[in-house]
Amino acid sequence: MASSDSDYYRGPDDDVLDRAEAGSIGGSSYVYFPPEYFSVLADNHNLITSTDPENRKALDAMARRLAR
């Protein structure tokens, strides 16, 4: 959702994406993704490709920002 004074969008599942982490154990790197991480990404992809009016407004705002 966007606030009236911002172009920042945050969805209800973004906390799942925030839980991804990278680190190092014993000199070896790792990336941890919570189990539901890829499900959220798939849902986000499906939303982006939808024709939902609220989603369209968000995508149009992002496109205007990128065009600057």
Protein backbone atom coordinates (compact mmCIF):
# COMPACT_ATOMS: atom_id res chain seq x y z
CA MET A 1 0.00 0.00 0.00
CA ALA A 2 1.11 3.53 -0.60
CA SER A 3 0.64 6.32 1.84
CA SER A 4 -0.65 9.61 0.51
CA ASP A 5 2.73 11.29 0.96
CA SER A 6 4.98 8.47 -0.23
CA ASP A 7 5.66 6.17 -3.14
CA TYR A 8 6.71 3.37 -0.78
CA TYR A 9 4.65 0.21 -1.10
CA ARG A 10 4.59 -2.54 1.47
CA GLY A 11 2.38 -5.60 1.31
CA PRO A 12 1.04 -7.81 4.07
CA ASP A 13 3.62 -10.54 3.33
CA ASP A 14 6.70 -8.33 3.16
CA ASP A 15 7.66 -9.37 6.69
CA VAL A 16 8.31 -12.86 5.26
CA LEU A 17 10.69 -11.41 2.68
CA ASP A 18 12.40 -9.39 5.42
CA ARG A 19 13.32 -12.61 7.22
CA ALA A 20 15.73 -13.73 4.49
CA GLU A 21 19.27 -13.45 5.77
CA ALA A 22 22.82 -13.96 4.60
CA GLY A 23 25.72 -14.87 6.79
CA SER A 24 28.79 -16.96 7.25
CA ILE A 25 29.47 -20.04 9.32
CA GLY A 26 32.99 -21.40 9.59
CA GLY A 27 34.13 -19.37 6.59
CA SER A 28 31.31 -20.63 4.36
CA SER A 29 28.60 -18.25 3.20
CA TYR A 30 24.92 -19.07 3.43
CA VAL A 31 21.60 -17.51 2.56
CA TYR A 32 18.54 -18.49 4.57
CA PHE A 33 15.07 -18.15 3.09
CA PRO A 34 12.06 -18.90 5.30
CA PRO A 35 9.90 -21.72 3.92
CA GLU A 36 7.14 -19.39 2.74
CA TYR A 37 9.58 -17.01 0.95
CA PHE A 38 9.13 -18.45 -2.55
CA SER A 39 5.37 -18.67 -2.16
CA VAL A 40 5.28 -14.93 -1.42
CA LEU A 41 7.45 -14.23 -4.49
CA ALA A 42 5.12 -16.30 -6.67
CA ASP A 43 2.08 -14.49 -5.26
CA ASN A 44 3.77 -11.12 -5.92
CA HIS A 45 4.49 -12.16 -9.50
CA ASN A 46 0.86 -13.15 -10.00
CA LEU A 47 -0.30 -9.81 -8.58
CA ILE A 48 2.02 -7.85 -10.89
CA THR A 49 0.59 -9.65 -13.91
CA SER A 50 -3.02 -9.14 -12.79
CA THR A 51 -5.42 -6.41 -13.89
CA ASP A 52 -6.44 -5.45 -10.35
CA PRO A 53 -7.19 -1.67 -10.35
CA GLU A 54 -5.35 -0.97 -7.07
CA ASN A 55 -2.36 -2.90 -8.31
CA ARG A 56 -2.43 -1.02 -11.61
CA LYS A 57 -2.22 2.30 -9.72
CA ALA A 58 0.80 1.07 -7.79
CA LEU A 59 2.54 -0.18 -10.94
CA ASP A 60 1.83 3.10 -12.76
CA ALA A 61 3.31 5.09 -9.86
CA MET A 62 6.44 2.91 -9.94
CA ALA A 63 6.73 3.31 -13.71
CA ARG A 64 6.54 7.11 -13.37
CA ARG A 65 9.23 7.04 -10.71
CA LEU A 66 11.52 4.88 -12.85
CA ALA A 67 10.99 7.14 -15.86
CA ARG A 68 12.47 10.13 -13.99
